[in-house]
Amino acid sequence: MTDNDIFIIKNNIKQQLKNKYTSPLVIAGKPGTAKSSSIINLAKKLDMNILVTSAPQFSLENLSGC
């Protein structure tokens, strides 16, 4: 994860805390590229709780909001 990636993620989190209408950030990539580990480490640095999940865990109804 680059410094620019961290900057974008931190700013998105700050905006979500200020404005509930800010779009959530989706982290995507190939398996094994340290997406979850990077976000968990960033959350620890920011003293935040985090929920890590994977899209395949959700049903179509969960993803569509129906």
N, C-alpha and C. Protein backbone atom coordinates (compact mmCIF):
# COMPACT_ATOMS: atom_id res chain seq x y z
N MET A 1 0.85 -1.16 0.00
CA MET A 1 0.00 0.00 0.00
C MET A 1 0.90 1.23 0.00
N THR A 2 0.65 2.12 -0.93
CA THR A 2 1.50 3.31 -1.07
C THR A 2 1.05 4.41 -0.11
N ASP A 3 1.90 5.42 0.05
CA ASP A 3 1.54 6.57 0.87
C ASP A 3 0.30 7.26 0.32
N ASN A 4 0.17 7.30 -1.00
CA ASN A 4 -1.01 7.91 -1.62
C ASN A 4 -2.27 7.11 -1.29
N ASP A 5 -2.18 5.78 -1.31
CA ASP A 5 -3.32 4.94 -0.94
C ASP A 5 -3.76 5.23 0.49
N ILE A 6 -2.79 5.32 1.39
CA ILE A 6 -3.09 5.59 2.80
C ILE A 6 -3.73 6.97 2.94
N PHE A 7 -3.23 7.95 2.21
CA PHE A 7 -3.80 9.29 2.24
C PHE A 7 -5.27 9.28 1.80
N ILE A 8 -5.57 8.57 0.72
CA ILE A 8 -6.94 8.48 0.21
C ILE A 8 -7.85 7.80 1.23
N ILE A 9 -7.39 6.71 1.81
CA ILE A 9 -8.20 5.96 2.78
C ILE A 9 -8.46 6.82 4.02
N LYS A 10 -7.43 7.48 4.55
CA LYS A 10 -7.59 8.31 5.73
C LYS A 10 -8.60 9.43 5.47
N ASN A 11 -8.49 10.07 4.30
CA ASN A 11 -9.42 11.15 3.98
C ASN A 11 -10.84 10.64 3.81
N ASN A 12 -11.00 9.46 3.24
CA ASN A 12 -12.33 8.89 3.09
C ASN A 12 -12.95 8.61 4.46
N ILE A 13 -12.16 8.07 5.36
CA ILE A 13 -12.65 7.78 6.71
C ILE A 13 -13.07 9.07 7.40
N LYS A 14 -12.25 10.10 7.31
CA LYS A 14 -12.57 11.40 7.92
C LYS A 14 -13.87 11.95 7.35
N GLN A 15 -14.04 11.85 6.03
CA GLN A 15 -15.27 12.36 5.40
C GLN A 15 -16.49 11.57 5.84
N GLN A 16 -16.34 10.25 5.98
CA GLN A 16 -17.47 9.44 6.44
C GLN A 16 -17.88 9.80 7.85
N LEU A 17 -16.90 10.15 8.69
CA LEU A 17 -17.22 10.54 10.06
C LEU A 17 -17.94 11.89 10.11
N LYS A 18 -17.64 12.78 9.16
CA LYS A 18 -18.27 14.10 9.10
C LYS A 18 -19.61 14.08 8.37
N ASN A 19 -19.71 13.26 7.34
CA ASN A 19 -20.85 13.31 6.44
C ASN A 19 -21.34 11.89 6.16
N LYS A 20 -22.52 11.55 6.66
CA LYS A 20 -23.01 10.18 6.48
C LYS A 20 -23.31 9.84 5.03
N TYR A 21 -23.32 10.82 4.15
CA TYR A 21 -23.62 10.57 2.73
C TYR A 21 -22.37 10.34 1.89
N THR A 22 -21.21 10.30 2.52
CA THR A 22 -19.98 9.99 1.80
C THR A 22 -19.98 8.51 1.42
N SER A 23 -19.62 8.24 0.18
CA SER A 23 -19.59 6.85 -0.28
C SER A 23 -18.52 6.07 0.45
N PRO A 24 -18.82 4.82 0.81
CA PRO A 24 -17.79 3.99 1.45
C PRO A 24 -16.68 3.65 0.47
N LEU A 25 -15.57 3.31 0.99
CA LEU A 25 -14.42 2.94 0.18
C LEU A 25 -14.38 1.43 0.03
N VAL A 26 -14.17 0.97 -1.17
CA VAL A 26 -14.07 -0.47 -1.44
C VAL A 26 -12.63 -0.77 -1.82
N ILE A 27 -12.05 -1.72 -1.13
CA ILE A 27 -10.68 -2.15 -1.43
C ILE A 27 -10.79 -3.47 -2.18
N ALA A 28 -10.25 -3.50 -3.39
CA ALA A 28 -10.35 -4.70 -4.21
C ALA A 28 -8.96 -5.07 -4.75
N GLY A 29 -8.79 -6.32 -5.04
CA GLY A 29 -7.52 -6.77 -5.61
C GLY A 29 -7.42 -8.29 -5.54
N LYS A 30 -6.36 -8.79 -6.11
CA LYS A 30 -6.14 -10.23 -6.14
C LYS A 30 -5.91 -10.76 -4.73
N PRO A 31 -6.26 -12.02 -4.50
CA PRO A 31 -5.99 -12.64 -3.19
C PRO A 31 -4.50 -12.59 -2.87
N GLY A 32 -4.22 -12.38 -1.59
CA GLY A 32 -2.84 -12.42 -1.14
C GLY A 32 -2.04 -11.16 -1.37
N THR A 33 -2.71 -10.03 -1.67
CA THR A 33 -1.98 -8.78 -1.92
C THR A 33 -1.98 -7.86 -0.71
N ALA A 34 -2.31 -8.39 0.47
CA ALA A 34 -2.24 -7.68 1.76
C ALA A 34 -3.27 -6.58 1.92
N LYS A 35 -4.42 -6.71 1.27
CA LYS A 35 -5.48 -5.70 1.41
C LYS A 35 -5.97 -5.65 2.86
N SER A 36 -6.38 -6.78 3.38
CA SER A 36 -6.91 -6.83 4.75
C SER A 36 -5.85 -6.44 5.77
N SER A 37 -4.67 -6.97 5.63
CA SER A 37 -3.59 -6.66 6.57
C SER A 37 -3.28 -5.17 6.58
N SER A 38 -3.24 -4.56 5.42
CA SER A 38 -2.93 -3.13 5.33
C SER A 38 -4.00 -2.29 6.00
N ILE A 39 -5.26 -2.63 5.77
CA ILE A 39 -6.36 -1.88 6.36
C ILE A 39 -6.41 -2.09 7.88
N ILE A 40 -6.17 -3.30 8.32
CA ILE A 40 -6.14 -3.57 9.76
C ILE A 40 -5.04 -2.77 10.43
N ASN A 41 -3.85 -2.74 9.82
CA ASN A 41 -2.74 -1.96 10.38
C ASN A 41 -3.05 -0.47 10.39
N LEU A 42 -3.68 0.03 9.32
CA LEU A 42 -4.05 1.44 9.27
C LEU A 42 -5.08 1.76 10.35
N ALA A 43 -6.06 0.89 10.54
CA ALA A 43 -7.07 1.10 11.57
C ALA A 43 -6.43 1.16 12.96
N LYS A 44 -5.46 0.30 13.20
CA LYS A 44 -4.75 0.32 14.49
C LYS A 44 -4.02 1.65 14.68
N LYS A 45 -3.35 2.13 13.60
CA LYS A 45 -2.65 3.41 13.67
C LYS A 45 -3.61 4.56 13.98
N LEU A 46 -4.83 4.47 13.44
CA LEU A 46 -5.83 5.52 13.63
C LEU A 46 -6.67 5.28 14.88
N ASP A 47 -6.35 4.23 15.63
CA ASP A 47 -7.09 3.87 16.84
C ASP A 47 -8.58 3.69 16.55
N MET A 48 -8.86 2.92 15.51
CA MET A 48 -10.24 2.68 15.08
C MET A 48 -10.53 1.18 15.09
N ASN A 49 -11.80 0.86 15.28
CA ASN A 49 -12.25 -0.52 15.12
C ASN A 49 -12.53 -0.75 13.65
N ILE A 50 -12.46 -1.99 13.22
CA ILE A 50 -12.69 -2.28 11.81
C ILE A 50 -13.39 -3.63 11.68
N LEU A 51 -14.23 -3.73 10.68
CA LEU A 51 -14.90 -4.97 10.34
C LEU A 51 -14.41 -5.37 8.96
N VAL A 52 -13.72 -6.48 8.88
CA VAL A 52 -13.20 -6.98 7.60
C VAL A 52 -14.15 -8.06 7.11
N THR A 53 -14.60 -7.90 5.88
CA THR A 53 -15.49 -8.90 5.30
C THR A 53 -15.15 -9.08 3.83
N SER A 54 -15.75 -10.04 3.21
CA SER A 54 -15.49 -10.35 1.81
C SER A 54 -16.82 -10.41 1.07
N ALA A 55 -16.87 -9.82 -0.10
CA ALA A 55 -18.12 -9.78 -0.87
C ALA A 55 -18.74 -11.16 -1.10
N PRO A 56 -17.97 -12.21 -1.35
CA PRO A 56 -18.60 -13.52 -1.55
C PRO A 56 -19.37 -14.03 -0.33
N GLN A 57 -19.15 -13.42 0.84
CA GLN A 57 -19.88 -13.83 2.04
C GLN A 57 -21.32 -13.32 2.02
N PHE A 58 -21.62 -12.36 1.17
CA PHE A 58 -22.94 -11.75 1.14
C PHE A 58 -23.82 -12.40 0.09
N SER A 59 -25.11 -12.44 0.38
CA SER A 59 -26.06 -12.92 -0.62
C SER A 59 -26.41 -11.75 -1.55
N LEU A 60 -27.04 -12.05 -2.66
CA LEU A 60 -27.46 -11.02 -3.60
C LEU A 60 -28.39 -10.02 -2.92
N GLU A 61 -29.23 -10.50 -2.02
CA GLU A 61 -30.16 -9.61 -1.32
C GLU A 61 -29.39 -8.61 -0.44
N ASN A 62 -28.34 -9.08 0.23
CA ASN A 62 -27.53 -8.17 1.05
C ASN A 62 -26.87 -7.10 0.21
N LEU A 63 -26.34 -7.48 -0.91
CA LEU A 63 -25.61 -6.54 -1.76
C LEU A 63 -26.54 -5.54 -2.45
N SER A 64 -27.76 -5.95 -2.78
CA SER A 64 -28.67 -5.07 -3.51
C SER A 64 -29.51 -4.21 -2.58
N GLY A 65 -29.56 -4.56 -1.30
CA GLY A 65 -30.36 -3.80 -0.36
C GLY A 65 -31.83 -4.21 -0.35
N CYS A 66 -32.18 -5.25 -1.04
CA CYS A 66 -33.58 -5.72 -1.08
C CYS A 66 -33.89 -6.66 0.06
